[in-house]
Amino acid sequence: MTTKRLVLATFLFVAMMSQLLVSCHAQATVAGETPAHQGLQTGAEVLMDNTSRLSAVNRQRSTLRVAVVGNQTSVVGNTHLVDTLLASGADIRKIFCPEHGFRGTAAAGAKVDNSVDPKTGLPIISLYGKNKKPTQEQLKDVDVVLFDLQDVGCRFYTYISTLHYVMEACAESATPLVVLDRPNPNGHYVDGPVLDTARYRSFVGMHPVPVVYGLTIGEYAQMINGEGWLKGKMECDLTVVPMQGYRRDSVGYQLPVAPSPNLRSSHAIALYPSLCLFEGTNCGVGRGTDWPFEIVTYGSDTLNLQQASAPSAFSLRYLIEMHKRVPKGSFFQKSNFFEKLAGNGELRKQIASGMSEEAIRASWKPALSEYKKIRSKYLIYD
C-alpha cells in the first residue's frame, strides 16, 4: 500500500472507530468542575459525525495494525480511546506513553518503565527516560500511529517533546501519524521568552518557541513539520483531525481529565506557565500539598495564589516578588535548569539585577514578533 493510500485508509479507520463514541458524551471534569464550552467536539468526535466517511468505511473496512500514543487524557466521554478501539475489533499492537505514564499517576521526572496494561494486556512502552523516541524495531509491526495527548500550551510541558520524537520516528520508518486534536487551555495568548535552541535545547524545550505558544497540539505538529524541525529536516506523513467549536480565546476552558498529577484544576493550569520556572529555584510550587501550582513556598514563607486571578499573560511578578523575599544568594539553583526552563541565559541575570518586569518583557519583543509570524502559518482555528 502506498503512503498516500495508507493515510487515506488511516483517516477512514479513525472515522470507523468513532462510530462507537456516539453515546459517550458525558465527561467527568477536573476536580469536579462544570465543563465549559459544551458545543466543543474533539477531533475524534468530529469524525464520529462525518457520515460520508463512515459510509466509505463500510465499503472499505481496513485492517491496519495500530499503535496509540496516549495516557489518561486519551478519552471521549468516560471511555478510554484504547478501550474503545479494542471494542471495535481494532488491531492495536502497543501503547506508547509519555511522562507520568499511561494512567497518569507517575510524579514529574519519575522513571516510567515499560509494562503491560492490566486491563487490556497490551504492552506499554515508555517514552520517558532513556527511550524518548520509538525505535524502528518498535514500529516494525505498526501501520499507523494514533497520537492523543492533552497538552496545556507551555513549552516546558513535555508532551510536545514526545510529539517531536514520535514524529521523527514515524518519518524515519515511513509510518503515517494521525494526531487527534484537543483544546489548549492556555491557547488564548502568546507570551514569554523564545527558546535559544543553540544553547538551551533540552527535553523541556526543543523548539524556538516562547513559553506560551498559542497553538493546539495538532497545530504544533504542523509547525514542527512545516519548519523542518525534525532531524535532517525530515517530514512526517501527518494527518491532523481537527476539532469543531473550539476558539482559542476560550479563557478558562476546563479539561475533562487532569493532564498530569499536579495540574488538578483550570486555575492551576492557568498559573502553570508563570510558576513552572520556580522549578529552577530553591522555592517549592506546592508539590505534595493540596495546592500544587497554586502556592509558592520558601521554608515557612508562602505566596498563596489560590484566590489570585488567572493571569492572561506569562507573568514574572511572582518570580520577582519571591526573589526579593528569599535571602540573597539563595533563590536560584546552582544548576542551569532555570535557564533551560526560561529558554535563555539572560532571565536569571535580569531578575538578579533588579530589572523591572516591563524592561525584561521588552527584551523578548523582537523574537516574539518573529515567532508570531511563523505561528500564523499553522493556525487551524479562529
Protein backbone atom coordinates (compact mmCIF):
# COMPACT_ATOMS: atom_id res chain seq x y z
CA MET A 1 0.00 0.00 0.00
CA THR A 2 1.43 3.42 -0.94
CA THR A 3 1.92 6.04 1.74
CA LYS A 4 -0.88 8.24 0.39
CA ARG A 5 -3.31 5.32 0.23
CA LEU A 6 -2.31 4.30 3.73
CA VAL A 7 -3.00 7.80 5.04
CA LEU A 8 -6.46 7.71 3.45
CA ALA A 9 -7.11 4.28 4.94
CA THR A 10 -5.94 5.58 8.30
CA PHE A 11 -8.29 8.54 8.15
CA LEU A 12 -11.19 6.25 7.31
CA PHE A 13 -10.14 3.86 10.04
CA VAL A 14 -10.33 6.59 12.68
CA ALA A 15 -13.78 7.55 11.40
CA MET A 16 -14.92 3.93 11.66
CA MET A 17 -13.72 3.71 15.24
CA SER A 18 -15.61 6.88 16.08
CA GLN A 19 -18.98 5.25 15.44
CA LEU A 20 -18.70 3.66 18.86
CA LEU A 21 -18.33 7.04 20.54
CA VAL A 22 -21.84 8.30 19.77
CA SER A 23 -23.22 7.51 23.21
CA CYS A 24 -20.14 8.61 25.15
CA HIS A 25 -20.55 12.37 25.60
CA ALA A 26 -20.76 12.60 29.42
CA GLN A 27 -17.47 13.99 30.69
CA ALA A 28 -16.05 13.98 34.22
CA THR A 29 -14.23 17.27 34.74
CA VAL A 30 -11.03 18.25 36.50
CA ALA A 31 -11.57 18.39 40.27
CA GLY A 32 -15.35 18.18 39.87
CA GLU A 33 -15.71 21.40 37.86
CA THR A 34 -18.54 22.03 35.42
CA PRO A 35 -17.33 21.66 31.82
CA ALA A 36 -17.15 24.84 29.77
CA HIS A 37 -17.95 25.16 26.06
CA GLN A 38 -20.35 22.25 25.79
CA GLY A 39 -20.53 22.61 22.00
CA LEU A 40 -16.87 21.74 21.52
CA GLN A 41 -16.06 18.46 19.76
CA THR A 42 -12.61 16.91 19.81
CA GLY A 43 -11.08 15.50 16.65
CA ALA A 44 -12.42 12.00 17.34
CA GLU A 45 -15.92 13.34 17.98
CA VAL A 46 -15.90 15.32 14.74
CA LEU A 47 -15.04 12.21 12.74
CA MET A 48 -17.84 10.34 14.50
CA ASP A 49 -20.37 12.67 12.93
CA ASN A 50 -18.97 12.56 9.40
CA THR A 51 -21.46 10.22 7.76
CA SER A 52 -19.91 10.35 4.30
CA ARG A 53 -16.63 8.94 5.57
CA LEU A 54 -18.44 6.41 7.71
CA SER A 55 -20.27 5.16 4.61
CA ALA A 56 -16.97 4.79 2.81
CA VAL A 57 -15.62 2.79 5.74
CA ASN A 58 -18.48 0.32 5.47
CA ARG A 59 -17.40 -0.39 1.89
CA GLN A 60 -13.66 -0.35 2.61
CA ARG A 61 -13.05 -1.80 6.05
CA SER A 62 -9.40 -1.54 6.96
CA THR A 63 -7.26 -3.91 8.99
CA LEU A 64 -4.47 -1.61 10.00
CA ARG A 65 -2.06 -2.51 12.78
CA VAL A 66 -2.24 0.37 15.24
CA ALA A 67 -0.05 1.91 17.93
CA VAL A 68 -1.55 4.50 20.27
CA VAL A 69 0.40 7.30 21.96
CA GLY A 70 -1.84 8.08 24.89
CA ASN A 71 -2.39 8.49 28.60
CA GLN A 72 -5.28 9.10 30.99
CA THR A 73 -6.42 12.10 28.91
CA SER A 74 -7.00 9.99 25.79
CA VAL A 75 -10.73 9.69 26.32
CA VAL A 76 -14.00 10.50 24.65
CA GLY A 77 -16.66 10.67 27.31
CA ASN A 78 -15.91 8.15 30.03
CA THR A 79 -14.28 5.62 27.72
CA HIS A 80 -10.56 5.45 27.06
CA LEU A 81 -9.58 5.61 23.40
CA VAL A 82 -7.70 2.31 23.64
CA ASP A 83 -10.68 0.52 25.21
CA THR A 84 -13.00 1.95 22.57
CA LEU A 85 -10.77 0.88 19.70
CA LEU A 86 -10.37 -2.61 21.07
CA ALA A 87 -14.13 -2.97 21.49
CA SER A 88 -14.49 -2.20 17.79
CA GLY A 89 -12.12 -5.01 16.80
CA ALA A 90 -9.17 -2.74 16.03
CA ASP A 91 -5.77 -4.41 15.82
CA ILE A 92 -3.89 -2.43 18.46
CA ARG A 93 -0.35 -3.74 18.80
CA LYS A 94 1.04 -1.50 21.53
CA ILE A 95 0.71 1.65 23.60
CA PHE A 96 3.34 4.37 23.88
CA CYS A 97 3.07 6.57 26.98
CA PRO A 98 4.71 9.92 27.90
CA GLU A 99 5.91 11.41 31.19
CA HIS A 100 3.60 10.44 34.10
CA GLY A 101 2.78 7.07 32.50
CA PHE A 102 -0.22 5.58 30.72
CA ARG A 103 -2.66 6.13 33.56
CA GLY A 104 -1.04 9.46 34.52
CA THR A 105 -0.04 8.61 38.08
CA ALA A 106 3.76 8.98 37.98
CA ALA A 107 5.29 12.11 39.51
CA ALA A 108 7.07 14.69 37.36
CA GLY A 109 10.51 13.40 36.42
CA ALA A 110 9.85 9.94 37.88
CA LYS A 111 11.14 6.96 35.94
CA VAL A 112 8.41 5.29 33.89
CA ASP A 113 9.18 1.70 32.95
CA ASN A 114 7.82 -0.46 30.15
CA SER A 115 4.94 -2.58 31.40
CA VAL A 116 1.73 -4.34 30.44
CA ASP A 117 -1.68 -2.70 30.77
CA PRO A 118 -3.54 -4.96 33.23
CA LYS A 119 -6.92 -4.12 31.70
CA THR A 120 -6.11 -4.90 28.06
CA GLY A 121 -2.94 -6.98 28.22
CA LEU A 122 -1.30 -4.63 25.72
CA PRO A 123 2.40 -3.83 26.00
CA ILE A 124 3.08 -0.29 27.24
CA ILE A 125 6.32 1.29 26.02
CA SER A 126 7.54 4.30 27.97
CA LEU A 127 8.67 7.35 26.01
CA TYR A 128 10.09 8.99 29.11
CA GLY A 129 13.57 8.26 30.38
CA LYS A 130 16.25 6.72 28.20
CA ASN A 131 13.83 5.76 25.41
CA LYS A 132 12.17 9.06 24.49
CA LYS A 133 11.66 8.02 20.88
CA PRO A 134 10.01 4.88 19.45
CA THR A 135 12.63 2.62 17.91
CA GLN A 136 12.38 1.29 14.39
CA GLU A 137 12.01 -2.19 15.87
CA GLN A 138 9.03 -0.99 17.94
CA LEU A 139 7.36 0.41 14.80
CA LYS A 140 8.13 -2.58 12.58
CA ASP A 141 4.73 -4.22 13.13
CA VAL A 142 2.74 -0.96 13.02
CA ASP A 143 0.88 0.53 10.03
CA VAL A 144 -0.28 3.73 11.71
CA VAL A 145 0.30 5.64 14.94
CA LEU A 146 -2.56 7.50 16.63
CA PHE A 147 -1.44 10.36 18.90
CA ASP A 148 -3.92 11.60 21.50
CA LEU A 149 -2.46 13.59 24.42
CA GLN A 150 -3.87 16.62 26.23
CA ASP A 151 -1.37 19.46 26.10
CA VAL A 152 -1.50 22.64 28.22
CA GLY A 153 0.21 25.01 25.78
CA CYS A 154 3.56 25.55 27.57
CA ARG A 155 6.98 24.93 26.05
CA PHE A 156 8.31 23.03 29.07
CA TYR A 157 5.33 20.67 29.32
CA THR A 158 6.99 17.62 27.83
CA TYR A 159 4.14 16.19 25.75
CA ILE A 160 5.20 18.34 22.77
CA SER A 161 8.72 16.94 23.09
CA THR A 162 7.20 13.45 22.99
CA LEU A 163 5.27 14.57 19.89
CA HIS A 164 8.54 15.64 18.26
CA TYR A 165 10.23 12.29 18.82
CA VAL A 166 7.16 10.32 17.70
CA MET A 167 7.02 12.39 14.50
CA GLU A 168 10.73 11.81 13.92
CA ALA A 169 10.41 8.05 14.41
CA CYS A 170 7.39 7.92 12.10
CA ALA A 171 9.28 9.91 9.46
CA GLU A 172 12.23 7.51 9.64
CA SER A 173 10.01 4.44 9.26
CA ALA A 174 7.53 5.99 6.77
CA THR A 175 4.73 5.28 9.26
CA PRO A 176 1.75 7.66 8.99
CA LEU A 177 0.86 9.61 12.11
CA VAL A 178 -2.67 10.77 12.96
CA VAL A 179 -2.94 13.49 15.64
CA LEU A 180 -6.37 13.72 17.25
CA ASP A 181 -6.57 17.38 18.20
CA ARG A 182 -7.58 18.63 21.64
CA PRO A 183 -8.11 22.11 23.15
CA ASN A 184 -5.30 24.23 24.51
CA PRO A 185 -6.43 25.69 27.87
CA ASN A 186 -3.72 28.37 27.53
CA GLY A 187 -4.33 28.91 23.83
CA HIS A 188 -5.75 32.43 24.13
CA TYR A 189 -2.38 34.21 24.24
CA VAL A 190 1.26 34.02 23.13
CA ASP A 191 3.93 35.23 25.54
CA GLY A 192 7.31 34.72 27.17
CA PRO A 193 10.93 34.48 26.01
CA VAL A 194 11.66 32.42 22.89
CA LEU A 195 13.97 29.43 23.41
CA ASP A 196 17.60 29.77 22.33
CA THR A 197 17.93 26.29 20.77
CA ALA A 198 21.67 26.67 20.16
CA ARG A 199 22.41 26.80 23.91
CA TYR A 200 19.41 25.55 25.88
CA ARG A 201 17.67 22.86 23.84
CA SER A 202 16.51 20.00 26.08
CA PHE A 203 13.51 17.76 26.70
CA VAL A 204 11.82 20.69 28.49
CA GLY A 205 12.32 22.88 25.43
CA MET A 206 13.17 21.61 21.94
CA HIS A 207 11.98 24.32 19.56
CA PRO A 208 12.41 28.10 19.08
CA VAL A 209 9.03 28.98 20.59
CA PRO A 210 8.00 31.18 23.55
CA VAL A 211 6.92 29.82 26.92
CA VAL A 212 3.26 30.09 25.86
CA TYR A 213 2.95 29.37 22.14
CA GLY A 214 -0.78 29.67 21.43
CA LEU A 215 -1.31 26.52 19.35
CA THR A 216 -3.22 23.29 19.81
CA ILE A 217 -1.14 20.15 19.70
CA GLY A 218 -2.38 19.48 16.15
CA GLU A 219 -1.32 22.94 15.01
CA TYR A 220 2.00 22.45 16.78
CA ALA A 221 2.58 19.18 14.91
CA GLN A 222 2.04 21.03 11.63
CA MET A 223 4.59 23.65 12.70
CA ILE A 224 7.20 21.00 13.56
CA ASN A 225 6.74 19.55 10.07
CA GLY A 226 6.50 22.82 8.20
CA GLU A 227 9.50 24.49 9.83
CA GLY A 228 11.79 21.50 9.27
CA TRP A 229 12.48 20.96 12.97
CA LEU A 230 12.79 17.18 12.71
CA LYS A 231 16.27 15.67 12.38
CA GLY A 232 17.69 16.26 8.92
CA LYS A 233 14.60 18.33 8.08
CA MET A 234 12.63 15.13 7.58
CA GLU A 235 8.88 15.40 7.15
CA CYS A 236 6.38 13.18 8.91
CA ASP A 237 3.39 11.77 6.99
CA LEU A 238 0.98 13.71 9.20
CA THR A 239 -2.81 13.91 9.39
CA VAL A 240 -4.40 16.23 11.96
CA VAL A 241 -8.03 15.51 12.84
CA PRO A 242 -9.36 18.96 13.85
CA MET A 243 -11.97 19.95 16.42
CA GLN A 244 -15.22 21.82 15.90
CA GLY A 245 -16.45 24.62 18.13
CA TYR A 246 -13.01 25.41 19.54
CA ARG A 247 -11.98 29.03 19.92
CA ARG A 248 -8.51 29.91 21.10
CA ASP A 249 -9.96 32.82 23.09
CA SER A 250 -11.88 30.36 25.28
CA VAL A 251 -10.41 31.64 28.54
CA GLY A 252 -10.85 29.21 31.41
CA TYR A 253 -11.60 26.15 29.31
CA GLN A 254 -11.91 23.28 31.77
CA LEU A 255 -10.37 19.98 30.75
CA PRO A 256 -12.34 16.75 31.23
CA VAL A 257 -9.35 14.94 32.77
CA ALA A 258 -6.37 16.31 34.71
CA PRO A 259 -3.43 16.28 32.25
CA SER A 260 -0.89 15.35 34.96
CA PRO A 261 -0.91 14.67 38.72
CA ASN A 262 -0.06 18.22 39.81
CA LEU A 263 -2.31 20.13 37.40
CA ARG A 264 -5.63 19.41 39.06
CA SER A 265 -7.71 22.48 38.21
CA SER A 266 -8.16 25.07 35.49
CA HIS A 267 -6.75 27.66 37.92
CA ALA A 268 -3.52 25.69 38.41
CA ILE A 269 -3.24 25.19 34.63
CA ALA A 270 -3.60 28.95 34.09
CA LEU A 271 -0.88 29.69 36.68
CA TYR A 272 1.43 26.94 35.45
CA PRO A 273 3.25 28.96 32.73
CA SER A 274 4.21 31.61 35.29
CA LEU A 275 5.04 29.26 38.16
CA CYS A 276 6.94 26.44 36.45
CA LEU A 277 10.14 28.50 36.33
CA PHE A 278 10.26 28.20 40.14
CA GLU A 279 11.32 24.57 39.46
CA GLY A 280 14.74 26.05 38.67
CA THR A 281 14.88 27.86 42.01
CA ASN A 282 15.05 26.74 45.63
CA CYS A 283 11.36 27.53 46.11
CA GLY A 284 8.59 24.94 46.03
CA VAL A 285 5.39 25.09 43.98
CA GLY A 286 3.15 23.03 46.25
CA ARG A 287 4.05 19.53 45.12
CA GLY A 288 2.97 17.13 47.86
CA THR A 289 0.27 19.54 49.08
CA ASP A 290 -3.37 20.00 48.11
CA TRP A 291 -2.46 23.14 46.11
CA PRO A 292 0.22 22.29 43.51
CA PHE A 293 0.93 25.24 41.21
CA GLU A 294 -1.29 27.46 43.32
CA ILE A 295 1.25 28.30 46.03
CA VAL A 296 4.96 29.14 46.13
CA THR A 297 7.00 28.37 49.24
CA TYR A 298 10.44 29.03 50.66
CA GLY A 299 10.74 27.46 54.08
CA SER A 300 7.80 28.79 56.08
CA ASP A 301 7.29 31.74 53.72
CA THR A 302 4.30 31.08 51.46
CA LEU A 303 3.00 33.05 48.49
CA ASN A 304 -0.63 31.92 48.35
CA LEU A 305 -2.18 32.28 44.89
CA GLN A 306 -5.27 30.11 45.40
CA GLN A 307 -7.54 33.14 45.11
CA ALA A 308 -5.41 35.07 42.62
CA SER A 309 -6.94 35.95 39.28
CA ALA A 310 -5.76 33.68 36.49
CA PRO A 311 -3.14 35.64 34.50
CA SER A 312 -3.88 36.49 30.87
CA ALA A 313 -0.18 36.62 30.06
CA PHE A 314 3.05 34.99 31.15
CA SER A 315 3.90 36.85 34.36
CA LEU A 316 7.23 37.50 36.08
CA ARG A 317 5.52 39.14 39.03
CA TYR A 318 5.73 36.09 41.28
CA LEU A 319 9.38 35.34 40.44
CA ILE A 320 10.42 38.93 41.10
CA GLU A 321 8.46 39.08 44.37
CA MET A 322 9.88 35.83 45.76
CA HIS A 323 13.39 36.78 44.65
CA LYS A 324 13.11 39.82 46.94
CA ARG A 325 11.77 37.72 49.84
CA VAL A 326 14.35 34.91 49.69
CA PRO A 327 17.75 35.55 51.37
CA LYS A 328 20.31 36.94 48.96
CA GLY A 329 22.16 34.25 47.00
CA SER A 330 19.67 31.53 47.94
CA PHE A 331 16.99 31.94 45.27
CA PHE A 332 18.34 30.22 42.14
CA GLN A 333 19.56 26.63 41.96
CA LYS A 334 23.23 26.22 41.08
CA SER A 335 22.36 24.07 38.05
CA ASN A 336 21.29 25.57 34.71
CA PHE A 337 17.76 24.16 34.94
CA PHE A 338 16.32 27.65 35.34
CA GLU A 339 17.95 28.63 32.04
CA LYS A 340 16.52 25.54 30.34
CA LEU A 341 13.02 26.43 31.52
CA ALA A 342 13.40 30.12 30.65
CA GLY A 343 14.96 29.27 27.30
CA ASN A 344 17.80 31.72 27.65
CA GLY A 345 20.71 32.73 29.87
CA GLU A 346 19.51 36.29 30.39
CA LEU A 347 16.41 35.99 32.57
CA ARG A 348 18.30 34.86 35.68
CA LYS A 349 20.67 37.83 35.32
CA GLN A 350 17.81 40.25 34.65
CA ILE A 351 15.90 39.21 37.78
CA ALA A 352 19.06 39.17 39.91
CA SER A 353 19.97 42.67 38.75
CA GLY A 354 16.59 44.06 39.79
CA MET A 355 15.27 44.86 36.30
CA SER A 356 11.57 45.62 36.13
CA GLU A 357 9.16 43.21 34.50
CA GLU A 358 8.40 45.83 31.85
CA ALA A 359 12.08 46.14 30.89
CA ILE A 360 12.56 42.37 30.83
CA ARG A 361 9.49 41.89 28.65
CA ALA A 362 10.81 44.49 26.19
CA SER A 363 13.89 42.33 25.64
CA TRP A 364 11.69 39.46 24.37
CA LYS A 365 9.73 41.53 21.88
CA PRO A 366 11.77 41.08 18.65
CA ALA A 367 11.97 37.27 18.89
CA LEU A 368 8.34 37.05 19.99
CA SER A 369 7.23 39.07 16.96
CA GLU A 370 9.15 36.76 14.62
CA TYR A 371 7.63 33.70 16.24
CA LYS A 372 4.11 35.07 15.78
CA LYS A 373 4.75 35.33 12.03
CA ILE A 374 5.78 31.67 11.94
CA ARG A 375 2.82 30.62 14.09
CA SER A 376 0.31 32.33 11.80
CA LYS A 377 1.07 29.82 9.02
CA TYR A 378 -0.22 26.86 11.04
CA LEU A 379 -3.44 28.14 12.63
CA ILE A 380 -6.47 25.90 12.09
CA TYR A 381 -8.93 27.73 14.36
CA ASP A 382 -10.23 31.29 14.73
